[in-house]
Amino acid sequence: MIRFNILKLMSNLEEVRGQKCTLKEVAAKSGCDKNALSRMVNHPEIIPSANVIDRLVQFFFFELMRDSEKPNLDRNRMKKAITEFISVYPDDEEYWWILPPEIRDNPDSMPLDAIWAVYARLHKVTREKTKLNLAEVQQAFKNKVLEADRTREEGAEVQLTLSAEEFELLLKKLPLVVGENG
């Protein structure tokens, strides 16, 4: 389930400014409809449009997090604005009934990473191992590394993800490579 933390960010804004922040002000400065914001606050199960989400994230970014003297940090601060504005909780209904009522009724009372940690321990998904032959795994791994090199050469950020089989292959081959060179 997705929840939007408008009230929390408004409270943070009040602390920074030292004065009250209202939905009317947020609506006026973000360009969002006040009634839409009110619905988001009073009915958290309602998911607003991407346009509304975008406007609100930008509003809170510029009002709370942007430092015009350090624009090189804008990317990280925008990520922070997004993660503080949007919270994603586990959807599994059975999971929520296991939790004590004070957490179930107010998930913000427990850190989000702790909620996910408890959920991960209780909800272990068994993954089916796919049977790939060694040559297919090696070729898939080689293709990913080549693509990552091309991306890095273009100056873009590289993130390499491996399948379980590719990771196992890497672990098996790593001692051989280190042993040969070390």
N, C-alpha and C. Protein backbone atom coordinates (compact mmCIF):
# COMPACT_ATOMS: atom_id res chain seq x y z
N MET A 1 0.84 -1.17 0.00
CA MET A 1 0.00 0.00 0.00
C MET A 1 0.89 1.23 0.00
N ILE A 2 0.45 2.25 -0.69
CA ILE A 2 1.19 3.49 -0.81
C ILE A 2 0.51 4.55 0.03
N ARG A 3 1.30 5.30 0.79
CA ARG A 3 0.78 6.39 1.60
C ARG A 3 1.61 7.65 1.33
N PHE A 4 0.94 8.79 1.35
CA PHE A 4 1.58 10.07 1.10
C PHE A 4 1.64 10.86 2.40
N ASN A 5 2.82 11.33 2.74
CA ASN A 5 3.07 11.95 4.04
C ASN A 5 2.96 13.48 3.99
N ILE A 6 1.84 13.98 3.52
CA ILE A 6 1.65 15.43 3.40
C ILE A 6 1.73 16.09 4.77
N LEU A 7 1.00 15.56 5.74
CA LEU A 7 0.96 16.19 7.06
C LEU A 7 2.33 16.20 7.73
N LYS A 8 3.09 15.12 7.57
CA LYS A 8 4.42 15.05 8.16
C LYS A 8 5.32 16.12 7.55
N LEU A 9 5.30 16.27 6.23
CA LEU A 9 6.14 17.28 5.58
C LEU A 9 5.66 18.69 5.90
N MET A 10 4.36 18.87 6.04
CA MET A 10 3.84 20.18 6.45
C MET A 10 4.34 20.52 7.85
N SER A 11 4.37 19.53 8.73
CA SER A 11 4.87 19.73 10.09
C SER A 11 6.36 20.10 10.06
N ASN A 12 7.13 19.42 9.20
CA ASN A 12 8.55 19.75 9.05
C ASN A 12 8.73 21.18 8.56
N LEU A 13 7.86 21.58 7.63
CA LEU A 13 7.91 22.94 7.09
C LEU A 13 7.57 23.97 8.17
N GLU A 14 6.61 23.64 9.02
CA GLU A 14 6.25 24.53 10.13
C GLU A 14 7.44 24.72 11.08
N GLU A 15 8.18 23.63 11.34
CA GLU A 15 9.34 23.71 12.22
C GLU A 15 10.41 24.61 11.62
N VAL A 16 10.64 24.47 10.32
CA VAL A 16 11.67 25.27 9.65
C VAL A 16 11.29 26.74 9.64
N ARG A 17 10.04 27.03 9.31
CA ARG A 17 9.58 28.41 9.19
C ARG A 17 9.24 29.07 10.52
N GLY A 18 8.79 28.24 11.44
CA GLY A 18 8.33 28.77 12.72
C GLY A 18 6.92 29.34 12.64
N GLN A 19 6.17 28.94 11.63
CA GLN A 19 4.78 29.39 11.49
C GLN A 19 3.93 28.28 10.88
N LYS A 20 2.64 28.38 11.06
CA LYS A 20 1.68 27.37 10.61
C LYS A 20 1.69 27.24 9.09
N CYS A 21 1.54 26.02 8.62
CA CYS A 21 1.43 25.72 7.19
C CYS A 21 0.07 25.05 6.98
N THR A 22 -0.71 25.54 6.05
CA THR A 22 -2.05 25.00 5.82
C THR A 22 -2.14 24.30 4.47
N LEU A 23 -3.16 23.45 4.34
CA LEU A 23 -3.40 22.81 3.05
C LEU A 23 -3.69 23.85 1.97
N LYS A 24 -4.35 24.92 2.36
CA LYS A 24 -4.66 25.99 1.42
C LYS A 24 -3.38 26.60 0.85
N GLU A 25 -2.39 26.81 1.72
CA GLU A 25 -1.11 27.36 1.28
C GLU A 25 -0.38 26.38 0.36
N VAL A 26 -0.34 25.10 0.76
CA VAL A 26 0.31 24.08 -0.05
C VAL A 26 -0.36 24.00 -1.42
N ALA A 27 -1.69 24.04 -1.42
CA ALA A 27 -2.42 24.00 -2.69
C ALA A 27 -2.06 25.19 -3.57
N ALA A 28 -2.05 26.37 -2.99
CA ALA A 28 -1.77 27.58 -3.76
C ALA A 28 -0.36 27.57 -4.33
N LYS A 29 0.63 27.19 -3.51
CA LYS A 29 2.02 27.24 -3.95
C LYS A 29 2.43 26.06 -4.84
N SER A 30 1.73 24.94 -4.69
CA SER A 30 2.07 23.76 -5.52
C SER A 30 1.26 23.71 -6.81
N GLY A 31 0.15 24.44 -6.83
CA GLY A 31 -0.71 24.40 -8.01
C GLY A 31 -1.69 23.24 -7.99
N CYS A 32 -1.84 22.60 -6.84
CA CYS A 32 -2.77 21.47 -6.69
C CYS A 32 -4.11 21.97 -6.16
N ASP A 33 -5.14 21.22 -6.43
CA ASP A 33 -6.47 21.54 -5.92
C ASP A 33 -6.53 21.26 -4.42
N LYS A 34 -7.03 22.21 -3.65
CA LYS A 34 -7.12 22.05 -2.19
C LYS A 34 -7.99 20.85 -1.83
N ASN A 35 -9.06 20.63 -2.56
CA ASN A 35 -9.94 19.49 -2.28
C ASN A 35 -9.22 18.16 -2.54
N ALA A 36 -8.37 18.14 -3.56
CA ALA A 36 -7.60 16.91 -3.84
C ALA A 36 -6.65 16.62 -2.69
N LEU A 37 -6.02 17.66 -2.17
CA LEU A 37 -5.11 17.48 -1.03
C LEU A 37 -5.86 17.02 0.21
N SER A 38 -7.02 17.60 0.42
CA SER A 38 -7.84 17.22 1.56
C SER A 38 -8.24 15.74 1.46
N ARG A 39 -8.60 15.30 0.26
CA ARG A 39 -8.95 13.89 0.06
C ARG A 39 -7.75 12.99 0.34
N MET A 40 -6.55 13.43 -0.08
CA MET A 40 -5.35 12.63 0.18
C MET A 40 -5.08 12.47 1.67
N VAL A 41 -5.34 13.52 2.42
CA VAL A 41 -5.12 13.48 3.87
C VAL A 41 -6.18 12.65 4.57
N ASN A 42 -7.45 12.84 4.20
CA ASN A 42 -8.56 12.19 4.90
C ASN A 42 -8.87 10.78 4.40
N HIS A 43 -8.45 10.46 3.20
CA HIS A 43 -8.69 9.13 2.61
C HIS A 43 -7.38 8.63 2.02
N PRO A 44 -6.47 8.12 2.87
CA PRO A 44 -5.14 7.76 2.38
C PRO A 44 -5.12 6.63 1.35
N GLU A 45 -6.24 5.93 1.21
CA GLU A 45 -6.28 4.85 0.21
C GLU A 45 -6.44 5.40 -1.22
N ILE A 46 -6.79 6.67 -1.35
CA ILE A 46 -6.94 7.30 -2.66
C ILE A 46 -5.56 7.65 -3.19
N ILE A 47 -5.29 7.21 -4.42
CA ILE A 47 -4.01 7.50 -5.05
C ILE A 47 -4.21 8.66 -6.03
N PRO A 48 -3.51 9.77 -5.82
CA PRO A 48 -3.66 10.93 -6.71
C PRO A 48 -2.97 10.70 -8.05
N SER A 49 -3.19 11.61 -8.96
CA SER A 49 -2.55 11.50 -10.28
C SER A 49 -1.05 11.76 -10.16
N ALA A 50 -0.32 11.33 -11.17
CA ALA A 50 1.12 11.56 -11.19
C ALA A 50 1.43 13.05 -11.19
N ASN A 51 0.59 13.83 -11.81
CA ASN A 51 0.79 15.28 -11.86
C ASN A 51 0.72 15.88 -10.45
N VAL A 52 -0.24 15.45 -9.66
CA VAL A 52 -0.38 15.95 -8.29
C VAL A 52 0.84 15.53 -7.47
N ILE A 53 1.24 14.28 -7.58
CA ILE A 53 2.41 13.79 -6.85
C ILE A 53 3.64 14.60 -7.23
N ASP A 54 3.84 14.81 -8.52
CA ASP A 54 4.99 15.56 -9.02
C ASP A 54 5.01 16.98 -8.45
N ARG A 55 3.87 17.65 -8.48
CA ARG A 55 3.79 19.03 -7.98
C ARG A 55 4.10 19.10 -6.48
N LEU A 56 3.57 18.13 -5.73
CA LEU A 56 3.79 18.14 -4.28
C LEU A 56 5.25 17.84 -3.93
N VAL A 57 5.84 16.86 -4.60
CA VAL A 57 7.24 16.54 -4.33
C VAL A 57 8.11 17.75 -4.64
N GLN A 58 7.84 18.40 -5.76
CA GLN A 58 8.64 19.58 -6.11
C GLN A 58 8.42 20.71 -5.09
N PHE A 59 7.18 20.90 -4.66
CA PHE A 59 6.90 21.92 -3.65
C PHE A 59 7.72 21.68 -2.39
N PHE A 60 7.65 20.45 -1.85
CA PHE A 60 8.37 20.16 -0.61
C PHE A 60 9.89 20.17 -0.81
N PHE A 61 10.35 19.78 -1.99
CA PHE A 61 11.78 19.85 -2.30
C PHE A 61 12.26 21.30 -2.21
N PHE A 62 11.58 22.20 -2.90
CA PHE A 62 12.02 23.59 -2.93
C PHE A 62 11.81 24.29 -1.58
N GLU A 63 10.76 23.94 -0.87
CA GLU A 63 10.48 24.60 0.40
C GLU A 63 11.33 24.08 1.56
N LEU A 64 11.67 22.78 1.52
CA LEU A 64 12.35 22.17 2.67
C LEU A 64 13.80 21.78 2.43
N MET A 65 14.12 21.31 1.26
CA MET A 65 15.38 20.61 1.10
C MET A 65 16.41 21.26 0.20
N ARG A 66 15.97 22.09 -0.70
CA ARG A 66 16.92 22.67 -1.66
C ARG A 66 17.79 23.71 -0.98
N ASP A 67 19.07 23.62 -1.28
CA ASP A 67 20.04 24.62 -0.81
C ASP A 67 20.65 25.24 -2.06
N SER A 68 20.27 26.48 -2.37
CA SER A 68 20.72 27.11 -3.61
C SER A 68 22.24 27.30 -3.64
N GLU A 69 22.89 27.24 -2.50
CA GLU A 69 24.35 27.36 -2.47
C GLU A 69 25.04 26.04 -2.79
N LYS A 70 24.30 24.95 -2.76
CA LYS A 70 24.87 23.63 -3.06
C LYS A 70 23.98 22.90 -4.08
N PRO A 71 23.86 23.43 -5.30
CA PRO A 71 22.99 22.79 -6.28
C PRO A 71 23.49 21.41 -6.73
N ASN A 72 24.76 21.12 -6.50
CA ASN A 72 25.29 19.80 -6.85
C ASN A 72 24.65 18.69 -6.02
N LEU A 73 24.00 19.03 -4.92
CA LEU A 73 23.35 18.03 -4.07
C LEU A 73 21.85 17.89 -4.37
N ASP A 74 21.36 18.63 -5.37
CA ASP A 74 19.93 18.61 -5.68
C ASP A 74 19.40 17.21 -5.97
N ARG A 75 20.16 16.42 -6.72
CA ARG A 75 19.68 15.08 -7.09
C ARG A 75 19.41 14.23 -5.84
N ASN A 76 20.36 14.24 -4.91
CA ASN A 76 20.18 13.45 -3.68
C ASN A 76 19.05 14.01 -2.82
N ARG A 77 18.93 15.32 -2.79
CA ARG A 77 17.87 15.94 -2.00
C ARG A 77 16.50 15.69 -2.61
N MET A 78 16.43 15.63 -3.94
CA MET A 78 15.15 15.31 -4.59
C MET A 78 14.76 13.87 -4.25
N LYS A 79 15.72 12.95 -4.25
CA LYS A 79 15.43 11.57 -3.86
C LYS A 79 14.90 11.54 -2.42
N LYS A 80 15.52 12.34 -1.56
CA LYS A 80 15.08 12.40 -0.16
C LYS A 80 13.65 12.95 -0.09
N ALA A 81 13.35 13.97 -0.88
CA ALA A 81 11.99 14.53 -0.89
C ALA A 81 10.97 13.47 -1.30
N ILE A 82 11.33 12.68 -2.30
CA ILE A 82 10.43 11.62 -2.76
C ILE A 82 10.23 10.57 -1.68
N THR A 83 11.32 10.11 -1.08
CA THR A 83 11.19 9.04 -0.07
C THR A 83 10.50 9.53 1.20
N GLU A 84 10.63 10.81 1.52
CA GLU A 84 9.91 11.32 2.68
C GLU A 84 8.44 11.57 2.38
N PHE A 85 8.11 11.82 1.13
CA PHE A 85 6.73 12.09 0.75
C PHE A 85 5.93 10.80 0.55
N ILE A 86 6.57 9.80 -0.03
CA ILE A 86 5.87 8.55 -0.38
C ILE A 86 6.39 7.41 0.48
N SER A 87 5.49 6.69 1.12
CA SER A 87 5.85 5.49 1.88
C SER A 87 5.11 4.30 1.27
N VAL A 88 5.82 3.22 1.10
CA VAL A 88 5.22 2.00 0.56
C VAL A 88 5.28 0.93 1.65
N TYR A 89 4.10 0.46 2.03
CA TYR A 89 3.98 -0.55 3.07
C TYR A 89 3.59 -1.89 2.45
N PRO A 90 3.88 -3.01 3.13
CA PRO A 90 3.47 -4.32 2.61
C PRO A 90 1.95 -4.38 2.40
N ASP A 91 1.53 -5.05 1.31
CA ASP A 91 0.12 -5.16 0.98
C ASP A 91 -0.57 -6.35 1.64
N ASP A 92 0.17 -7.31 2.08
CA ASP A 92 -0.38 -8.55 2.60
C ASP A 92 -1.26 -8.30 3.83
N GLU A 93 -2.59 -8.50 3.66
CA GLU A 93 -3.54 -8.25 4.76
C GLU A 93 -3.25 -9.12 5.99
N GLU A 94 -2.87 -10.37 5.76
CA GLU A 94 -2.59 -11.27 6.88
C GLU A 94 -1.44 -10.75 7.74
N TYR A 95 -0.47 -10.15 7.09
CA TYR A 95 0.68 -9.60 7.81
C TYR A 95 0.23 -8.52 8.80
N TRP A 96 -0.64 -7.62 8.37
CA TRP A 96 -1.04 -6.50 9.23
C TRP A 96 -1.81 -6.98 10.46
N TRP A 97 -2.52 -8.09 10.36
CA TRP A 97 -3.27 -8.58 11.52
C TRP A 97 -2.37 -9.26 12.54
N ILE A 98 -1.15 -9.59 12.15
CA ILE A 98 -0.18 -10.17 13.08
C ILE A 98 0.40 -9.08 13.98
N LEU A 99 0.51 -7.86 13.44
CA LEU A 99 1.12 -6.75 14.19
C LEU A 99 0.21 -6.27 15.31
N PRO A 100 0.80 -5.72 16.35
CA PRO A 100 -0.02 -5.15 17.43
C PRO A 100 -0.87 -3.99 16.90
N PRO A 101 -2.05 -3.77 17.48
CA PRO A 101 -2.96 -2.73 16.98
C PRO A 101 -2.34 -1.34 16.92
N GLU A 102 -1.45 -1.01 17.87
CA GLU A 102 -0.87 0.34 17.85
C GLU A 102 0.01 0.57 16.61
N ILE A 103 0.59 -0.48 16.07
CA ILE A 103 1.37 -0.34 14.83
C ILE A 103 0.44 -0.46 13.63
N ARG A 104 -0.48 -1.40 13.67
CA ARG A 104 -1.42 -1.62 12.56
C ARG A 104 -2.24 -0.36 12.28
N ASP A 105 -2.69 0.31 13.33
CA ASP A 105 -3.53 1.49 13.17
C ASP A 105 -2.72 2.75 12.88
N ASN A 106 -1.45 2.74 13.22
CA ASN A 106 -0.59 3.90 12.99
C ASN A 106 0.78 3.41 12.54
N PRO A 107 0.93 3.02 11.26
CA PRO A 107 2.20 2.46 10.82
C PRO A 107 3.37 3.43 10.93
N ASP A 108 3.10 4.73 11.00
CA ASP A 108 4.18 5.70 11.14
C ASP A 108 4.84 5.64 12.51
N SER A 109 4.22 4.91 13.46
CA SER A 109 4.80 4.78 14.79
C SER A 109 6.01 3.85 14.79
N MET A 110 6.18 3.09 13.71
CA MET A 110 7.31 2.17 13.58
C MET A 110 8.08 2.56 12.33
N PRO A 111 9.40 2.63 12.38
CA PRO A 111 10.16 2.99 11.18
C PRO A 111 9.83 2.05 10.01
N LEU A 112 9.75 2.64 8.83
CA LEU A 112 9.35 1.87 7.65
C LEU A 112 10.29 0.70 7.38
N ASP A 113 11.59 0.90 7.56
CA ASP A 113 12.52 -0.21 7.32
C ASP A 113 12.31 -1.34 8.31
N ALA A 114 11.87 -1.02 9.52
CA ALA A 114 11.58 -2.06 10.51
C ALA A 114 10.32 -2.84 10.13
N ILE A 115 9.33 -2.14 9.59
CA ILE A 115 8.11 -2.82 9.12
C ILE A 115 8.48 -3.82 8.02
N TRP A 116 9.30 -3.38 7.07
CA TRP A 116 9.71 -4.28 5.99
C TRP A 116 10.58 -5.42 6.50
N ALA A 117 11.40 -5.18 7.50
CA ALA A 117 12.25 -6.25 8.05
C ALA A 117 11.39 -7.33 8.70
N VAL A 118 10.38 -6.91 9.46
CA VAL A 118 9.47 -7.88 10.09
C VAL A 118 8.71 -8.64 9.00
N TYR A 119 8.22 -7.92 8.00
CA TYR A 119 7.48 -8.53 6.90
C TYR A 119 8.35 -9.56 6.18
N ALA A 120 9.61 -9.22 5.92
CA ALA A 120 10.51 -10.14 5.20
C ALA A 120 10.74 -11.41 6.00
N ARG A 121 10.83 -11.29 7.32
CA ARG A 121 11.02 -12.49 8.15
C ARG A 121 9.79 -13.37 8.17
N LEU A 122 8.61 -12.75 8.18
CA LEU A 122 7.37 -13.51 8.25
C LEU A 122 6.94 -14.05 6.89
N HIS A 123 7.32 -13.36 5.85
CA HIS A 123 6.81 -13.67 4.51
C HIS A 123 7.96 -14.06 3.59
N LYS A 124 8.41 -15.28 3.73
CA LYS A 124 9.50 -15.75 2.89
C LYS A 124 8.94 -16.34 1.61
N VAL A 125 9.32 -15.74 0.53
CA VAL A 125 8.88 -16.21 -0.78
C VAL A 125 9.88 -17.26 -1.25
N THR A 126 9.37 -18.41 -1.59
CA THR A 126 10.25 -19.44 -2.11
C THR A 126 10.39 -19.23 -3.61
N ARG A 127 11.62 -19.08 -4.02
CA ARG A 127 11.89 -18.87 -5.44
C ARG A 127 12.21 -20.20 -6.09
N GLU A 128 11.60 -20.40 -7.23
CA GLU A 128 11.90 -21.59 -8.00
C GLU A 128 13.21 -21.39 -8.71
N LYS A 129 14.08 -22.35 -8.58
CA LYS A 129 15.35 -22.24 -9.29
C LYS A 129 15.13 -22.63 -10.74
N THR A 130 15.60 -21.76 -11.60
CA THR A 130 15.50 -22.07 -13.02
C THR A 130 16.74 -22.85 -13.42
N LYS A 131 16.54 -23.79 -14.26
CA LYS A 131 17.64 -24.62 -14.71
C LYS A 131 18.22 -24.00 -15.97
N LEU A 132 19.35 -23.38 -15.84
CA LEU A 132 20.07 -22.84 -16.98
C LEU A 132 21.39 -23.57 -17.08
N ASN A 133 21.80 -23.82 -18.30
CA ASN A 133 23.10 -24.46 -18.39
C ASN A 133 24.19 -23.42 -18.18
N LEU A 134 25.36 -23.88 -17.87
CA LEU A 134 26.47 -23.01 -17.51
C LEU A 134 26.79 -22.02 -18.63
N ALA A 135 26.74 -22.45 -19.86
CA ALA A 135 27.06 -21.56 -20.99
C ALA A 135 26.06 -20.41 -21.08
N GLU A 136 24.77 -20.67 -20.84
CA GLU A 136 23.76 -19.61 -20.89
C GLU A 136 23.98 -18.58 -19.78
N VAL A 137 24.31 -19.07 -18.57
CA VAL A 137 24.56 -18.17 -17.44
C VAL A 137 25.79 -17.32 -17.72
N GLN A 138 26.84 -17.94 -18.22
CA GLN A 138 28.07 -17.21 -18.52
C GLN A 138 27.82 -16.13 -19.58
N GLN A 139 27.07 -16.48 -20.63
CA GLN A 139 26.80 -15.52 -21.69
C GLN A 139 25.94 -14.36 -21.19
N ALA A 140 24.92 -14.66 -20.37
CA ALA A 140 24.06 -13.61 -19.81
C ALA A 140 24.89 -12.66 -18.94
N PHE A 141 25.78 -13.22 -18.14
CA PHE A 141 26.64 -12.41 -17.27
C PHE A 141 27.58 -11.54 -18.11
N LYS A 142 28.18 -12.13 -19.13
CA LYS A 142 29.09 -11.39 -20.02
C LYS A 142 28.36 -10.23 -20.70
N ASN A 143 27.12 -10.47 -21.17
CA ASN A 143 26.34 -9.41 -21.81
C ASN A 143 26.05 -8.26 -20.85
N LYS A 144 25.73 -8.57 -19.60
CA LYS A 144 25.45 -7.52 -18.61
C LYS A 144 26.70 -6.69 -18.33
N VAL A 145 27.84 -7.34 -18.22
CA VAL A 145 29.09 -6.62 -17.94
C VAL A 145 29.44 -5.72 -19.12
N LEU A 146 29.29 -6.21 -20.34
CA LEU A 146 29.58 -5.40 -21.53
C LEU A 146 28.65 -4.19 -21.60
N GLU A 147 27.37 -4.39 -21.32
CA GLU A 147 26.40 -3.28 -21.33
C GLU A 147 26.74 -2.26 -20.24
N ALA A 148 27.15 -2.73 -19.07
CA ALA A 148 27.54 -1.83 -17.99
C ALA A 148 28.77 -1.01 -18.39
N ASP A 149 29.74 -1.64 -19.07
CA ASP A 149 30.92 -0.91 -19.54
C ASP A 149 30.54 0.18 -20.54
N ARG A 150 29.64 -0.15 -21.48
CA ARG A 150 29.20 0.85 -22.47
C ARG A 150 28.51 2.02 -21.77
N THR A 151 27.66 1.71 -20.82
CA THR A 151 26.93 2.75 -20.08
C THR A 151 27.90 3.64 -19.31
N ARG A 152 28.88 3.03 -18.66
CA ARG A 152 29.86 3.78 -17.88
C ARG A 152 30.69 4.69 -18.79
N GLU A 153 31.06 4.19 -19.96
CA GLU A 153 31.84 4.98 -20.91
C GLU A 153 31.05 6.20 -21.39
N GLU A 154 29.73 6.08 -21.44
CA GLU A 154 28.89 7.21 -21.86
C GLU A 154 28.71 8.22 -20.73
N GLY A 155 29.26 7.94 -19.57
CA GLY A 155 29.20 8.87 -18.45
C GLY A 155 27.99 8.70 -17.56
N ALA A 156 27.21 7.66 -17.79
CA ALA A 156 26.01 7.43 -16.98
C ALA A 156 26.35 6.56 -15.77
N GLU A 157 25.50 6.66 -14.76
CA GLU A 157 25.66 5.85 -13.56
C GLU A 157 25.35 4.39 -13.90
N VAL A 158 26.14 3.47 -13.39
CA VAL A 158 25.98 2.04 -13.70
C VAL A 158 25.47 1.30 -12.48
N GLN A 159 24.47 0.46 -12.73
CA GLN A 159 23.99 -0.42 -11.68
C GLN A 159 23.86 -1.80 -12.29
N LEU A 160 24.62 -2.75 -11.78
CA LEU A 160 24.65 -4.10 -12.32
C LEU A 160 23.88 -5.02 -11.38
N THR A 161 22.84 -5.66 -11.90
CA THR A 161 22.08 -6.62 -11.10
C THR A 161 22.31 -8.01 -11.67
N LEU A 162 22.42 -8.95 -10.77
CA LEU A 162 22.69 -10.33 -11.17
C LEU A 162 21.56 -11.25 -10.75
N SER A 163 21.30 -12.25 -11.58
CA SER A 163 20.35 -13.28 -11.18
C SER A 163 21.04 -14.16 -10.14
N ALA A 164 20.28 -14.99 -9.47
CA ALA A 164 20.86 -15.89 -8.47
C ALA A 164 21.90 -16.81 -9.11
N GLU A 165 21.60 -17.28 -10.32
CA GLU A 165 22.52 -18.18 -11.02
C GLU A 165 23.81 -17.46 -11.39
N GLU A 166 23.69 -16.20 -11.87
CA GLU A 166 24.88 -15.42 -12.24
C GLU A 166 25.73 -15.14 -11.01
N PHE A 167 25.07 -14.85 -9.89
CA PHE A 167 25.79 -14.58 -8.65
C PHE A 167 26.55 -15.83 -8.18
N GLU A 168 25.89 -16.98 -8.25
CA GLU A 168 26.55 -18.23 -7.87
C GLU A 168 27.76 -18.49 -8.76
N LEU A 169 27.61 -18.24 -10.07
CA LEU A 169 28.71 -18.41 -11.00
C LEU A 169 29.87 -17.49 -10.63
N LEU A 170 29.55 -16.24 -10.32
CA LEU A 170 30.57 -15.27 -9.94
C LEU A 170 31.30 -15.73 -8.68
N LEU A 171 30.55 -16.22 -7.70
CA LEU A 171 31.18 -16.70 -6.46
C LEU A 171 32.10 -17.89 -6.72
N LYS A 172 31.69 -18.76 -7.64
CA LYS A 172 32.53 -19.93 -7.96
C LYS A 172 33.80 -19.52 -8.68
N LYS A 173 33.69 -18.54 -9.59
CA LYS A 173 34.83 -18.12 -10.40
C LYS A 173 35.76 -17.15 -9.66
N LEU A 174 35.23 -16.39 -8.71
CA LEU A 174 36.00 -15.36 -8.02
C LEU A 174 37.26 -15.91 -7.35
N PRO A 175 37.17 -16.99 -6.58
CA PRO A 175 38.39 -17.51 -5.95
C PRO A 175 39.46 -17.90 -6.98
N LEU A 176 39.02 -18.40 -8.14
CA LEU A 176 39.97 -18.79 -9.17
C LEU A 176 40.70 -17.57 -9.72
N VAL A 177 39.94 -16.49 -9.97
CA VAL A 177 40.54 -15.26 -10.52
C VAL A 177 41.46 -14.61 -9.49
N VAL A 178 41.00 -14.51 -8.25
CA VAL A 178 41.82 -13.90 -7.21
C VAL A 178 43.07 -14.74 -6.97
N GLY A 179 42.91 -16.07 -6.95
CA GLY A 179 44.04 -16.96 -6.74
C GLY A 179 45.08 -16.84 -7.85
N GLU A 180 44.63 -16.64 -9.10
CA GLU A 180 45.55 -16.53 -10.22
C GLU A 180 46.32 -15.22 -10.16
N ASN A 181 45.63 -14.14 -9.75
CA ASN A 181 46.26 -12.82 -9.75
C ASN A 181 46.89 -12.45 -8.42
N GLY A 182 46.47 -13.08 -7.37
CA GLY A 182 46.92 -12.67 -6.03
C GLY A 182 48.07 -13.46 -5.61
